[in-house]
C-alpha atoms as a PDB file:
ATOM      1  CA  VAL A   1       0.000   0.000   0.000  1.00  0.00           C
ATOM      2  CA  VAL A   2       1.384   3.401  -0.989  1.00  0.00           C
ATOM      3  CA  ASP A   3       0.311   6.888  -0.048  1.00  0.00           C
ATOM      4  CA  TYR A   4      -0.898   9.449  -2.569  1.00  0.00           C
ATOM      5  CA  ARG A   5       2.410  11.319  -2.762  1.00  0.00           C
ATOM      6  CA  THR A   6       4.262   8.147  -3.651  1.00  0.00           C
ATOM      7  CA  MET A   7       1.683   7.136  -6.230  1.00  0.00           C
ATOM      8  CA  LEU A   8       1.745  10.577  -7.893  1.00  0.00           C
ATOM      9  CA  LYS A   9       5.503  10.203  -8.390  1.00  0.00           C
ATOM     10  CA  SER A  10       5.295   6.589  -9.574  1.00  0.00           C
ATOM     11  CA  GLU A  11       6.036   5.887 -13.232  1.00  0.00           C
ATOM     12  CA  GLN A  12       4.506   2.438 -12.745  1.00  0.00           C
ATOM     13  CA  ALA A  13       1.189   4.033 -11.716  1.00  0.00           C
ATOM     14  CA  ARG A  14       1.153   5.865 -15.067  1.00  0.00           C
ATOM     15  CA  VAL A  15       2.092   2.726 -17.021  1.00  0.00           C
ATOM     16  CA  ASN A  16      -0.689   0.801 -15.274  1.00  0.00           C
ATOM     17  CA  GLY A  17      -3.180   3.545 -16.184  1.00  0.00           C
ATOM     18  CA  TYR A  18      -3.861   4.596 -12.589  1.00  0.00           C
ATOM     19  CA  LEU A  19      -2.847   8.167 -13.449  1.00  0.00           C
ATOM     20  CA  LEU A  20      -3.607   9.844 -16.767  1.00  0.00           C
ATOM     21  CA  GLU A  21      -2.830  13.286 -18.142  1.00  0.00           C
ATOM     22  CA  LEU A  22      -5.552  15.027 -20.029  1.00  0.00           C
ATOM     23  CA  ASP A  23      -5.767  18.310 -21.890  1.00  0.00           C
ATOM     24  CA  HIS A  24      -8.617  20.209 -20.260  1.00  0.00           C
ATOM     25  CA  PRO A  25     -10.069  22.985 -22.439  1.00  0.00           C
ATOM     26  CA  VAL A  26      -9.923  25.492 -19.571  1.00  0.00           C
ATOM     27  CA  ALA A  27      -7.372  24.205 -17.035  1.00  0.00           C
ATOM     28  CA  GLY A  28      -4.777  22.918 -19.523  1.00  0.00           C
ATOM     29  CA  LYS A  29      -2.882  19.714 -18.703  1.00  0.00           C
ATOM     30  CA  VAL A  30      -4.259  18.036 -15.587  1.00  0.00           C
ATOM     31  CA  LEU A  31      -3.510  14.740 -13.887  1.00  0.00           C
ATOM     32  CA  VAL A  32      -6.572  12.568 -13.259  1.00  0.00           C
ATOM     33  CA  SER A  33      -7.100   9.148 -11.792  1.00  0.00           C
ATOM     34  CA  GLY A  34      -7.510   6.300 -14.227  1.00  0.00           C
ATOM     35  CA  THR A  35      -9.326   3.065 -13.656  1.00  0.00           C
ATOM     36  CA  PRO A  36      -7.620   0.070 -12.072  1.00  0.00           C
ATOM     37  CA  ILE A  37      -9.834  -2.247 -14.137  1.00  0.00           C
ATOM     38  CA  THR A  38      -8.415  -3.905 -17.233  1.00  0.00           C
ATOM     39  CA  ILE A  39     -10.239  -5.818 -19.940  1.00  0.00           C
ATOM     40  CA  ASN A  40      -8.270  -8.690 -21.430  1.00  0.00           C
ATOM     41  CA  GLY A  41      -5.139  -7.174 -19.867  1.00  0.00           C
ATOM     42  CA  GLU A  42      -5.529  -3.876 -21.763  1.00  0.00           C
ATOM     43  CA  VAL A  43      -4.887  -0.701 -19.785  1.00  0.00           C
ATOM     44  CA  THR A  44      -7.086   2.305 -20.501  1.00  0.00           C
ATOM     45  CA  THR A  45      -4.897   5.251 -21.476  1.00  0.00           C
ATOM     46  CA  ILE A  46      -7.544   7.702 -22.663  1.00  0.00           C
ATOM     47  CA  ALA A  47      -9.069  10.322 -20.400  1.00  0.00           C
ATOM     48  CA  GLU A  48     -11.618  12.925 -21.390  1.00  0.00           C
ATOM     49  CA  ALA A  49     -12.548  16.138 -19.634  1.00  0.00           C
ATOM     50  CA  ALA A  50     -15.961  16.359 -18.030  1.00  0.00           C
ATOM     51  CA  PRO A  51     -18.452  18.395 -20.050  1.00  0.00           C
ATOM     52  CA  GLU A  52     -18.608  22.124 -19.465  1.00  0.00           C
ATOM     53  CA  HIS A  53     -21.584  23.411 -17.492  1.00  0.00           C
ATOM     54  CA  GLY A  54     -24.535  23.478 -19.899  1.00  0.00           C
ATOM     55  CA  GLN A  55     -22.553  21.970 -22.770  1.00  0.00           C
ATOM     56  CA  HIS A  56     -25.268  19.441 -23.645  1.00  0.00           C
ATOM     57  CA  THR A  57     -28.344  21.432 -22.607  1.00  0.00           C
ATOM     58  CA  GLU A  58     -29.727  21.924 -26.120  1.00  0.00           C
ATOM     59  CA  GLU A  59     -29.058  18.300 -27.065  1.00  0.00           C
ATOM     60  CA  VAL A  60     -30.863  16.983 -23.969  1.00  0.00           C
ATOM     61  CA  LEU A  61     -33.817  19.340 -24.380  1.00  0.00           C
ATOM     62  CA  LEU A  62     -34.179  18.382 -28.042  1.00  0.00           C
ATOM     63  CA  GLU A  63     -34.178  14.696 -27.065  1.00  0.00           C
ATOM     64  CA  LEU A  64     -36.904  15.465 -24.524  1.00  0.00           C
ATOM     65  CA  GLY A  65     -39.044  16.931 -27.300  1.00  0.00           C
ATOM     66  CA  TYR A  66     -38.513  20.679 -26.829  1.00  0.00           C
ATOM     67  CA  SER A  67     -38.517  22.774 -29.982  1.00  0.00           C
ATOM     68  CA  TRP A  68     -35.853  25.344 -30.811  1.00  0.00           C
ATOM     69  CA  GLU A  69     -38.398  28.071 -30.052  1.00  0.00           C
ATOM     70  CA  GLU A  70     -39.093  26.604 -26.602  1.00  0.00           C
ATOM     71  CA  ILE A  71     -35.376  26.295 -25.885  1.00  0.00           C
ATOM     72  CA  GLY A  72     -34.906  29.932 -26.939  1.00  0.00           C
ATOM     73  CA  ALA A  73     -37.698  30.972 -24.571  1.00  0.00           C
ATOM     74  CA  LEU A  74     -36.087  29.017 -21.728  1.00  0.00           C
ATOM     75  CA  ARG A  75     -32.757  30.763 -22.454  1.00  0.00           C
ATOM     76  CA  ASP A  76     -34.431  34.198 -22.620  1.00  0.00           C
ATOM     77  CA  SER A  77     -36.131  33.599 -19.278  1.00  0.00           C
ATOM     78  CA  GLY A  78     -32.824  32.545 -17.670  1.00  0.00           C
ATOM     79  CA  ALA A  79     -34.084  29.027 -16.923  1.00  0.00           C
ATOM     80  CA  VAL A  80     -31.192  27.489 -18.874  1.00  0.00           C
END
């Protein structure tokens, strides 16, 4: 068992996919935790930034059946 400081400095933790670097659109390069789970021995090496606040609002509202006019009205009212 290692502590966080040791793990953050560990090259093996990066090779095993426990730590991944990702290019965040706002924060730049950030270190994030990977998953310790492998499938058929393959280590996940891809990390994606979480969506920006409201990034998928229009997409979700359209899927829920809102029209573009209704979405515009919600934006104008400050609801979204």
